[in-house]
N, C-alpha and C. Protein backbone atom coordinates (compact mmCIF):
# COMPACT_ATOMS: atom_id res chain seq x y z
N MET A 1 108.16 98.60 80.64
CA MET A 1 106.96 99.48 80.62
C MET A 1 105.64 98.59 81.83
N ARG A 2 105.18 99.30 82.76
CA ARG A 2 104.46 98.73 83.79
C ARG A 2 102.88 98.74 83.05
N LYS A 3 102.09 97.50 83.12
CA LYS A 3 100.74 97.17 82.93
C LYS A 3 99.85 97.57 83.79
N VAL A 4 98.74 98.41 83.25
CA VAL A 4 97.92 98.65 84.51
C VAL A 4 96.84 97.65 84.60
N ASP A 5 97.26 97.12 85.77
CA ASP A 5 96.33 95.94 86.05
C ASP A 5 95.37 96.32 87.16
N VAL A 6 94.06 96.24 87.02
CA VAL A 6 92.97 96.69 88.21
C VAL A 6 92.22 95.43 88.26
N ILE A 7 92.51 95.08 89.69
CA ILE A 7 91.76 93.51 89.95
C ILE A 7 90.55 93.89 91.08
N PRO A 8 89.80 93.07 90.79
CA PRO A 8 88.58 93.06 92.39
C PRO A 8 89.49 92.61 93.66
N TYR A 9 88.75 93.45 94.76
CA TYR A 9 89.42 93.46 95.96
C TYR A 9 89.53 91.96 96.46
N GLN A 10 90.78 91.71 97.09
CA GLN A 10 91.30 90.54 97.23
C GLN A 10 91.65 90.56 99.10
N LYS A 11 90.66 89.25 99.85
CA LYS A 11 90.96 89.17 101.04
C LYS A 11 92.24 89.30 101.74
N ASN A 12 93.07 88.65 100.90
CA ASN A 12 94.24 88.51 101.45
C ASN A 12 95.33 89.95 101.52
N TRP A 13 94.61 90.82 100.94
CA TRP A 13 95.63 92.27 100.81
C TRP A 13 95.93 92.71 102.53
N ASN A 14 95.10 92.34 103.09
CA ASN A 14 95.08 92.99 104.89
C ASN A 14 96.35 92.05 105.39
N THR A 15 96.29 90.79 104.88
CA THR A 15 97.21 89.77 105.43
C THR A 15 98.79 90.01 104.80
N LEU A 16 98.52 90.41 103.74
CA LEU A 16 100.09 90.68 103.06
C LEU A 16 100.55 91.89 103.66
N PHE A 17 99.64 92.78 103.88
CA PHE A 17 99.97 94.27 104.69
C PHE A 17 100.83 93.85 106.33
N GLN A 18 100.11 92.94 106.78
CA GLN A 18 100.41 92.46 108.14
C GLN A 18 101.57 91.83 108.35
N VAL A 19 102.11 90.87 107.33
CA VAL A 19 103.45 90.15 106.98
C VAL A 19 104.50 91.47 106.71
N GLU A 20 104.21 92.26 105.82
CA GLU A 20 105.29 93.40 105.59
C GLU A 20 105.40 94.19 107.01
N LYS A 21 104.41 94.61 107.74
CA LYS A 21 104.44 95.45 108.46
C LYS A 21 105.44 94.86 109.81
N GLU A 22 105.31 93.61 109.81
CA GLU A 22 106.16 92.89 111.00
C GLU A 22 107.79 93.05 110.42
N LYS A 23 107.91 92.90 109.14
CA LYS A 23 109.33 92.86 108.69
C LYS A 23 109.83 94.22 108.75
N LEU A 24 108.95 95.11 108.46
CA LEU A 24 109.60 96.75 108.72
C LEU A 24 109.72 96.75 109.89
N GLN A 25 109.07 96.43 110.98
CA GLN A 25 109.03 96.74 112.38
C GLN A 25 110.22 95.93 112.87
N CYS A 26 111.28 95.11 112.32
CA CYS A 26 111.85 94.12 112.86
C CYS A 26 113.20 95.13 112.43
N ILE A 27 113.03 95.85 111.24
CA ILE A 27 114.33 96.43 110.59
C ILE A 27 114.23 97.76 111.30
N LEU A 28 113.22 98.60 111.37
CA LEU A 28 113.14 99.90 111.57
C LEU A 28 113.08 100.31 113.23
N ARG A 29 112.25 99.35 113.78
CA ARG A 29 112.46 98.94 115.29
C ARG A 29 111.95 100.46 115.89
N SER A 30 112.73 100.97 116.75
CA SER A 30 112.59 102.51 117.44
C SER A 30 112.19 103.82 116.59
N GLU A 31 112.68 103.78 115.27
CA GLU A 31 112.11 105.00 114.41
C GLU A 31 111.12 104.96 114.24
N ILE A 32 110.22 103.78 114.28
CA ILE A 32 108.67 103.79 113.72
C ILE A 32 107.79 104.47 114.88
N GLU A 33 106.80 105.19 114.39
CA GLU A 33 105.70 105.79 115.37
C GLU A 33 104.65 105.16 115.20
N GLU A 34 104.45 104.85 113.73
CA GLU A 34 103.12 104.15 113.10
C GLU A 34 103.06 103.36 112.17
N ILE A 35 102.33 102.22 111.57
CA ILE A 35 102.46 101.82 110.37
C ILE A 35 101.15 101.60 109.97
N HIS A 36 100.49 102.14 108.69
CA HIS A 36 99.36 101.91 108.14
C HIS A 36 99.20 101.44 106.85
N HIS A 37 98.08 100.64 106.58
CA HIS A 37 97.82 100.27 105.42
C HIS A 37 96.92 101.19 104.81
N ILE A 38 97.43 101.76 103.64
CA ILE A 38 96.69 102.60 102.77
C ILE A 38 96.46 102.48 101.31
N GLY A 39 95.97 103.31 100.54
CA GLY A 39 95.69 102.96 99.10
C GLY A 39 94.39 102.21 99.11
N SER A 40 94.15 101.82 97.92
CA SER A 40 93.01 101.15 97.56
C SER A 40 93.00 99.57 97.99
N THR A 41 94.08 99.07 98.35
CA THR A 41 94.07 97.67 98.82
C THR A 41 93.65 97.83 100.47
N SER A 42 93.77 98.95 101.09
CA SER A 42 93.26 98.93 102.35
C SER A 42 91.62 99.06 102.61
N ILE A 43 90.83 99.43 101.21
CA ILE A 43 89.59 99.48 101.26
C ILE A 43 88.78 98.33 100.55
N ASN A 44 88.03 97.44 101.76
CA ASN A 44 87.29 96.52 101.39
C ASN A 44 86.10 96.50 100.21
N GLY A 45 86.41 95.90 99.40
CA GLY A 45 85.49 95.84 98.30
C GLY A 45 85.83 96.63 96.98
N MET A 46 87.14 97.48 97.22
CA MET A 46 87.52 98.59 96.16
C MET A 46 88.52 97.69 95.11
N HIS A 47 88.18 97.98 94.04
CA HIS A 47 89.21 97.07 92.97
C HIS A 47 90.22 98.05 93.09
N ALA A 48 91.48 97.32 92.69
CA ALA A 48 92.82 98.20 92.84
C ALA A 48 93.66 97.38 91.95
N LYS A 49 95.15 98.05 91.92
CA LYS A 49 96.15 97.46 91.32
C LYS A 49 96.46 96.61 92.67
N PRO A 50 97.03 95.54 92.15
CA PRO A 50 97.32 94.59 93.37
C PRO A 50 98.68 94.97 93.96
N ILE A 51 99.03 96.30 94.55
CA ILE A 51 99.94 96.75 95.06
C ILE A 51 99.76 97.01 96.54
N ILE A 52 100.38 96.81 97.46
CA ILE A 52 99.98 97.10 98.77
C ILE A 52 100.80 98.24 99.13
N ASP A 53 100.19 99.36 99.55
CA ASP A 53 100.55 100.75 100.11
C ASP A 53 100.97 100.60 101.62
N ILE A 54 101.90 100.87 101.79
CA ILE A 54 102.28 101.07 103.47
C ILE A 54 102.89 102.50 103.91
N LEU A 55 102.02 103.04 104.66
CA LEU A 55 102.47 104.26 105.17
C LEU A 55 103.26 103.87 106.63
N VAL A 56 104.48 104.45 106.56
CA VAL A 56 105.32 104.33 107.83
C VAL A 56 105.44 105.93 108.37
N VAL A 57 105.25 106.19 109.58
CA VAL A 57 105.53 107.50 110.37
C VAL A 57 106.19 107.18 111.11
N VAL A 58 107.85 107.76 110.77
CA VAL A 58 108.75 107.86 111.40
C VAL A 58 109.31 108.81 112.38
N LYS A 59 110.38 108.96 113.34
CA LYS A 59 110.72 109.94 114.07
C LYS A 59 111.57 110.56 112.98
N HIS A 60 112.45 110.13 112.37
CA HIS A 60 113.48 111.24 111.91
C HIS A 60 113.49 110.62 110.66
N ILE A 61 113.02 111.29 109.50
CA ILE A 61 113.23 110.89 108.13
C ILE A 61 114.25 110.88 107.85
N GLU A 62 115.23 111.73 107.77
CA GLU A 62 116.90 111.96 107.13
C GLU A 62 117.49 110.62 107.88
N LYS A 63 116.93 109.86 108.85
CA LYS A 63 117.78 108.68 109.09
C LYS A 63 117.40 107.32 108.30
N MET A 64 116.16 107.48 107.66
CA MET A 64 115.82 106.80 107.07
C MET A 64 116.67 106.21 105.82
N ASP A 65 117.63 106.82 105.10
CA ASP A 65 118.61 106.63 104.21
C ASP A 65 119.62 105.83 104.96
N ASP A 66 119.81 105.49 106.08
CA ASP A 66 120.33 104.53 106.68
C ASP A 66 120.01 103.29 106.71
N TYR A 67 118.89 103.04 106.20
CA TYR A 67 117.71 101.74 106.12
C TYR A 67 117.75 101.32 104.60
N ASN A 68 118.51 101.92 103.85
CA ASN A 68 118.40 101.52 102.66
C ASN A 68 118.82 100.02 102.17
N GLU A 69 120.04 99.73 102.65
CA GLU A 69 120.73 98.11 102.59
C GLU A 69 119.78 97.45 103.36
N PRO A 70 119.24 97.21 104.38
CA PRO A 70 118.49 96.44 105.31
C PRO A 70 117.32 96.27 104.62
N LEU A 71 116.65 97.24 103.83
CA LEU A 71 115.22 97.25 103.12
C LEU A 71 115.45 96.59 101.88
N PHE A 72 116.67 96.69 101.32
CA PHE A 72 116.87 95.99 99.98
C PHE A 72 117.00 94.45 100.17
N GLU A 73 117.38 94.09 101.05
CA GLU A 73 117.90 92.65 101.82
C GLU A 73 116.86 92.14 101.85
N ILE A 74 115.24 92.69 102.16
CA ILE A 74 114.12 91.84 101.99
C ILE A 74 113.07 92.49 101.07
N GLY A 75 113.79 92.78 99.65
CA GLY A 75 113.26 93.04 98.71
C GLY A 75 113.00 94.58 98.13
N TYR A 76 113.31 95.49 98.83
CA TYR A 76 112.76 96.91 98.68
C TYR A 76 114.07 97.71 97.81
N GLU A 77 113.43 98.50 96.91
CA GLU A 77 114.76 99.44 96.33
C GLU A 77 114.25 100.63 96.75
N ALA A 78 115.15 101.32 97.03
CA ALA A 78 115.04 102.63 97.79
C ALA A 78 114.75 103.82 96.32
N GLN A 79 113.77 104.71 96.36
CA GLN A 79 113.48 105.75 95.37
C GLN A 79 113.66 107.13 95.53
N GLY A 80 114.40 107.45 97.00
CA GLY A 80 114.51 108.58 97.47
C GLY A 80 113.21 109.21 97.70
N GLU A 81 113.22 110.57 97.66
CA GLU A 81 111.81 111.23 98.00
C GLU A 81 110.78 111.13 96.78
N ASN A 82 111.20 110.52 95.56
CA ASN A 82 110.58 110.17 94.20
C ASN A 82 109.15 111.53 93.96
N GLY A 83 109.79 112.77 94.24
CA GLY A 83 109.05 113.90 93.79
C GLY A 83 108.22 114.21 94.95
N LEU A 84 108.20 113.92 95.99
CA LEU A 84 107.59 114.42 97.12
C LEU A 84 108.58 114.64 98.26
N SER A 85 108.73 116.13 98.70
CA SER A 85 109.84 116.47 99.63
C SER A 85 109.42 115.77 100.94
N GLY A 86 110.43 115.61 101.69
CA GLY A 86 110.01 115.15 102.76
C GLY A 86 109.66 113.39 102.86
N ARG A 87 109.61 112.79 101.94
CA ARG A 87 109.13 111.66 101.91
C ARG A 87 110.58 110.51 101.38
N ARG A 88 110.04 109.12 102.07
CA ARG A 88 111.19 108.47 101.33
C ARG A 88 110.48 107.35 100.88
N PHE A 89 110.27 106.77 99.49
CA PHE A 89 109.53 105.75 98.79
C PHE A 89 110.61 104.91 98.67
N PHE A 90 109.74 103.50 98.72
CA PHE A 90 110.42 102.09 98.57
C PHE A 90 109.49 101.40 97.69
N ILE A 91 109.99 100.77 96.74
CA ILE A 91 109.20 99.79 95.88
C ILE A 91 109.63 98.25 96.02
N LYS A 92 108.99 97.54 96.02
CA LYS A 92 109.03 95.92 96.11
C LYS A 92 108.74 95.34 94.89
N GLY A 93 109.47 94.78 94.16
CA GLY A 93 108.73 93.75 92.95
C GLY A 93 109.42 94.27 91.36
N GLY A 94 109.86 95.25 91.39
CA GLY A 94 110.58 96.09 90.28
C GLY A 94 109.01 96.52 89.38
N ASP A 95 108.86 96.15 88.11
CA ASP A 95 107.89 96.29 87.57
C ASP A 95 106.91 95.54 87.50
N GLU A 96 107.08 94.34 88.54
CA GLU A 96 105.87 93.66 88.59
C GLU A 96 105.70 93.67 90.22
N ARG A 97 105.62 95.38 90.55
CA ARG A 97 105.58 95.66 91.80
C ARG A 97 104.23 94.94 92.46
N THR A 98 104.81 94.47 94.11
CA THR A 98 104.03 93.99 95.18
C THR A 98 103.39 94.95 96.33
N HIS A 99 104.41 96.00 96.58
CA HIS A 99 104.27 96.81 97.76
C HIS A 99 105.20 98.16 97.56
N HIS A 100 104.43 99.35 97.98
CA HIS A 100 105.13 100.31 98.06
C HIS A 100 105.49 100.88 99.63
N VAL A 101 106.38 101.35 99.79
CA VAL A 101 106.24 101.96 101.38
C VAL A 101 106.66 103.36 101.23
N HIS A 102 105.94 104.28 101.88
CA HIS A 102 105.79 105.52 101.82
C HIS A 102 106.35 105.95 103.20
N MET A 103 107.45 106.67 103.60
CA MET A 103 107.73 106.89 104.96
C MET A 103 107.66 108.43 104.81
N TYR A 104 107.20 109.15 106.26
CA TYR A 104 107.21 110.51 106.43
C TYR A 104 107.32 110.87 108.01
N GLN A 105 108.03 111.90 108.27
CA GLN A 105 108.27 112.25 109.36
C GLN A 105 106.76 112.65 110.24
N PHE A 106 106.92 112.50 111.34
CA PHE A 106 105.67 112.46 112.08
C PHE A 106 104.91 113.42 111.87
N GLU A 107 105.29 114.60 111.68
CA GLU A 107 104.44 115.76 111.88
C GLU A 107 104.19 116.34 110.10
N ASN A 108 104.36 115.24 109.23
CA ASN A 108 104.31 115.59 107.84
C ASN A 108 103.15 115.66 107.65
N LYS A 109 102.38 116.75 107.00
CA LYS A 109 100.94 116.44 106.55
C LYS A 109 100.44 115.96 105.45
N GLU A 110 101.26 115.02 104.78
CA GLU A 110 100.72 114.07 103.88
C GLU A 110 100.38 112.86 104.65
N ILE A 111 100.82 112.69 105.96
CA ILE A 111 100.45 111.62 106.55
C ILE A 111 98.73 111.73 106.79
N ALA A 112 98.20 112.82 107.16
CA ALA A 112 96.86 112.73 107.11
C ALA A 112 96.02 112.93 106.15
N ARG A 113 96.90 113.31 104.95
CA ARG A 113 96.05 113.24 103.68
C ARG A 113 95.80 111.88 103.21
N HIS A 114 96.83 110.94 103.38
CA HIS A 114 96.67 109.65 102.90
C HIS A 114 95.87 108.86 104.05
N LEU A 115 95.34 109.02 105.29
CA LEU A 115 94.93 108.51 106.23
C LEU A 115 93.23 109.16 106.12
N VAL A 116 93.23 110.39 105.89
CA VAL A 116 91.77 110.82 105.84
C VAL A 116 91.22 110.33 104.54
N PHE A 117 91.89 110.43 103.33
CA PHE A 117 91.31 109.64 101.90
C PHE A 117 90.73 108.41 102.39
N ARG A 118 91.52 107.46 102.89
CA ARG A 118 91.27 105.82 103.00
C ARG A 118 90.15 105.99 103.98
N ASP A 119 90.13 106.74 105.28
CA ASP A 119 89.12 106.77 106.03
C ASP A 119 87.42 107.25 105.45
N TYR A 120 87.64 108.18 104.54
CA TYR A 120 86.61 108.65 104.23
C TYR A 120 85.98 107.70 102.97
N MET A 121 86.88 107.03 102.38
CA MET A 121 86.15 106.09 101.17
C MET A 121 86.05 105.00 101.87
N ARG A 122 86.39 104.36 102.86
CA ARG A 122 86.03 103.48 103.91
C ARG A 122 84.36 103.79 104.41
N THR A 123 84.36 105.05 104.47
CA THR A 123 82.92 105.27 105.57
C THR A 123 81.91 105.69 104.37
N PHE A 124 82.20 106.42 103.36
CA PHE A 124 81.04 106.43 102.16
C PHE A 124 81.18 105.54 100.83
N LYS A 125 80.92 104.44 100.92
CA LYS A 125 80.93 103.37 100.20
C LYS A 125 80.55 103.97 98.44
N GLU A 126 79.54 104.86 98.56
CA GLU A 126 79.35 105.07 97.23
C GLU A 126 80.47 105.94 96.44
N GLU A 127 81.04 106.56 97.12
CA GLU A 127 82.30 107.25 96.59
C GLU A 127 83.30 106.14 96.25
N GLY A 128 83.51 105.40 97.07
CA GLY A 128 84.43 104.13 96.76
C GLY A 128 84.05 103.25 95.68
N GLN A 129 82.80 102.83 95.60
CA GLN A 129 82.26 102.36 94.19
C GLN A 129 82.32 102.92 93.15
N PHE A 130 82.14 104.54 92.99
CA PHE A 130 82.58 105.32 91.77
C PHE A 130 83.96 105.59 91.27
N TYR A 131 84.93 105.58 92.62
CA TYR A 131 86.36 105.46 92.25
C TYR A 131 86.79 104.10 91.80
N SER A 132 86.16 102.71 92.35
CA SER A 132 86.38 101.91 92.13
C SER A 132 86.19 101.45 90.36
N GLN A 133 84.97 102.19 89.84
CA GLN A 133 84.84 101.61 88.55
C GLN A 133 85.55 102.74 87.62
N LEU A 134 85.80 104.07 88.13
CA LEU A 134 86.94 105.00 87.11
C LEU A 134 88.02 104.25 86.83
N LYS A 135 88.62 103.77 88.32
CA LYS A 135 89.93 102.88 87.84
C LYS A 135 89.78 101.82 86.88
N GLN A 136 88.58 100.97 87.06
CA GLN A 136 88.36 99.85 86.16
C GLN A 136 88.39 100.59 84.67
N ASN A 137 87.51 101.37 84.17
CA ASN A 137 87.29 102.06 83.25
C ASN A 137 88.84 102.59 82.74
N LEU A 138 89.56 103.11 83.57
CA LEU A 138 90.97 103.83 83.45
C LEU A 138 92.13 102.93 82.76
N ALA A 139 91.87 101.69 83.26
CA ALA A 139 92.86 100.25 83.28
C ALA A 139 92.54 99.92 81.97
N MET A 140 91.22 99.80 81.57
CA MET A 140 90.86 99.30 80.15
C MET A 140 90.98 100.28 79.08
N SER A 141 91.06 101.60 79.34
CA SER A 141 91.40 102.35 78.33
C SER A 141 92.97 102.66 77.86
N HIS A 142 93.63 102.44 79.30
CA HIS A 142 95.07 102.76 79.20
C HIS A 142 95.77 101.29 79.85
N PRO A 143 95.62 100.26 78.98
CA PRO A 143 96.23 99.06 79.87
C PRO A 143 97.67 99.02 79.71
N THR A 144 98.34 99.84 78.85
CA THR A 144 99.88 99.75 79.23
C THR A 144 100.43 101.34 79.23
N ASN A 145 99.91 102.18 79.71
CA ASN A 145 100.18 103.44 80.14
C ASN A 145 99.88 103.90 81.46
N MET A 146 100.70 103.66 82.41
CA MET A 146 100.55 104.08 83.68
C MET A 146 100.31 105.44 83.82
N GLU A 147 101.05 106.30 83.08
CA GLU A 147 100.92 107.79 83.29
C GLU A 147 99.55 108.41 83.03
N GLU A 148 98.90 108.00 81.93
CA GLU A 148 97.69 108.21 81.65
C GLU A 148 96.96 107.60 82.59
N TYR A 149 96.42 106.72 83.22
CA TYR A 149 95.88 105.98 83.95
C TYR A 149 95.90 106.81 85.46
N ILE A 150 97.11 107.17 85.98
CA ILE A 150 97.34 108.17 86.77
C ILE A 150 96.64 109.53 86.95
N LYS A 151 96.93 109.99 85.54
CA LYS A 151 96.55 111.55 85.16
C LYS A 151 95.04 111.27 85.00
N GLY A 152 94.26 110.27 84.59
CA GLY A 152 93.00 110.14 84.55
C GLY A 152 92.13 109.94 85.97
N LYS A 153 92.97 109.68 87.12
CA LYS A 153 92.33 109.69 88.46
C LYS A 153 92.47 110.86 89.21
N HIS A 154 93.47 111.74 88.72
CA HIS A 154 94.12 112.83 89.60
C HIS A 154 93.04 113.91 89.77
N GLY A 155 92.12 114.46 89.03
CA GLY A 155 90.95 115.22 89.33
C GLY A 155 90.07 114.94 90.38
N TYR A 156 89.65 113.47 90.34
CA TYR A 156 88.77 112.94 91.11
C TYR A 156 89.49 112.68 92.43
N ILE A 157 90.64 112.46 92.50
CA ILE A 157 91.28 112.41 93.64
C ILE A 157 91.29 113.72 94.69
N GLN A 158 91.69 114.66 93.96
CA GLN A 158 91.67 116.00 94.55
C GLN A 158 90.21 116.26 94.85
N LYS A 159 89.23 116.15 94.32
CA LYS A 159 87.96 116.41 94.63
C LYS A 159 87.65 115.65 96.05
N ILE A 160 88.14 114.47 96.04
CA ILE A 160 87.69 113.54 97.30
C ILE A 160 88.35 113.78 98.31
N GLU A 161 89.95 114.29 98.17
CA GLU A 161 90.53 114.79 99.23
C GLU A 161 89.99 116.16 99.98
N LYS A 162 89.57 116.81 98.93
CA LYS A 162 89.10 118.03 99.87
C LYS A 162 87.63 117.78 100.70
N LYS A 163 86.79 116.79 100.01
CA LYS A 163 85.65 116.54 100.71
C LYS A 163 86.05 115.74 102.15
N ALA A 164 87.02 114.80 101.96
CA ALA A 164 87.30 114.19 103.01
C ALA A 164 88.16 114.94 104.13
N ILE A 165 89.12 116.03 103.85
CA ILE A 165 89.58 116.77 104.75
C ILE A 165 88.47 117.69 105.70
N ALA A 166 87.47 118.01 104.66
CA ALA A 166 86.23 118.85 105.27
C ALA A 166 85.51 117.65 106.29
N TRP A 167 85.42 116.70 105.75
CA TRP A 167 84.75 115.81 106.67
C TRP A 167 85.34 115.49 108.08
N PHE A 168 86.72 115.45 108.16
CA PHE A 168 87.73 115.13 109.15
C PHE A 168 87.53 116.42 109.94
N GLU A 169 87.80 117.58 109.47
CA GLU A 169 87.83 118.45 110.36
C GLU A 169 86.38 118.94 110.79
N GLU A 170 85.01 118.32 110.50
CA GLU A 170 84.01 118.37 111.14
C GLU A 170 83.84 117.38 112.33
N GLY A 171 84.90 116.79 112.73
CA GLY A 171 85.11 116.08 113.64
C GLY A 171 84.94 114.70 113.66
N ASN A 172 85.15 114.28 112.32
CA ASN A 172 85.01 112.69 112.07
C ASN A 172 86.38 112.09 112.02
N ASN A 173 87.07 112.15 113.30
CA ASN A 173 88.62 111.89 113.25
C ASN A 173 89.10 110.73 113.74
N GLU A 174 88.22 109.57 113.64
CA GLU A 174 88.35 108.52 114.48
C GLU A 174 89.20 107.78 113.32
N ARG A 175 90.04 107.14 113.78
CA ARG A 175 90.80 106.14 112.34
C ARG A 175 90.31 104.89 112.28
N HIS A 176 90.20 104.41 111.04
CA HIS A 176 90.13 102.99 111.32
C HIS A 176 91.18 102.13 110.84
N ILE A 177 91.90 101.76 111.72
CA ILE A 177 93.16 101.26 111.52
C ILE A 177 93.12 99.78 111.23
C-alpha cells in the first residue's frame, strides 16, 4: 500500500531532476528529442508528492522497450504503457517511489498536455496555490488510499487543462523549461 505523502516544495527537486536527466541522456542518447521536468515538483512553491516526474520525448517509442534492462540497472522498473496508449512508463523506488519517467514519441499530443499544464500553473500562481491546497486536503483525507487521492484531483486537473490549452492557443506558447 502506497502512502499519500504531500510535502512542501523542496528546492532540491530541480537538482534531482537534473541528475536523473543526465543518467537518462547517457542511456538513451540519440533517441532523445527533449527531456522536461513536469508535474508538481517542477512548479516552484507547489506542495507535492516527493516524486520527480520526467517527460522524455523520443524519436521512436517502439524502440524504448529495448532500453528496459539498461534503465533497470539504474533503478527503473518498466511498466509498459500503464494505461496510456503510446506511452512508456517507468518507476523508480517501488512503493517508496522517487521518480516517474513518462516517454512519448515526439508527435504525441500528451507531450503538450503535460507541458502546457505545467507552464500554466507556473504562470498563474493563484491556481497553483489552490491546487497545492487541494492536494494537501486530499492527502489528509486519504492518507493510505492513492486511488481516492487521484480521483479527488481529477476534476480540477481536467478544468485546468482546458484553461491551459486555451491559454496556450491564445499565443502563450513560450515554454518555461
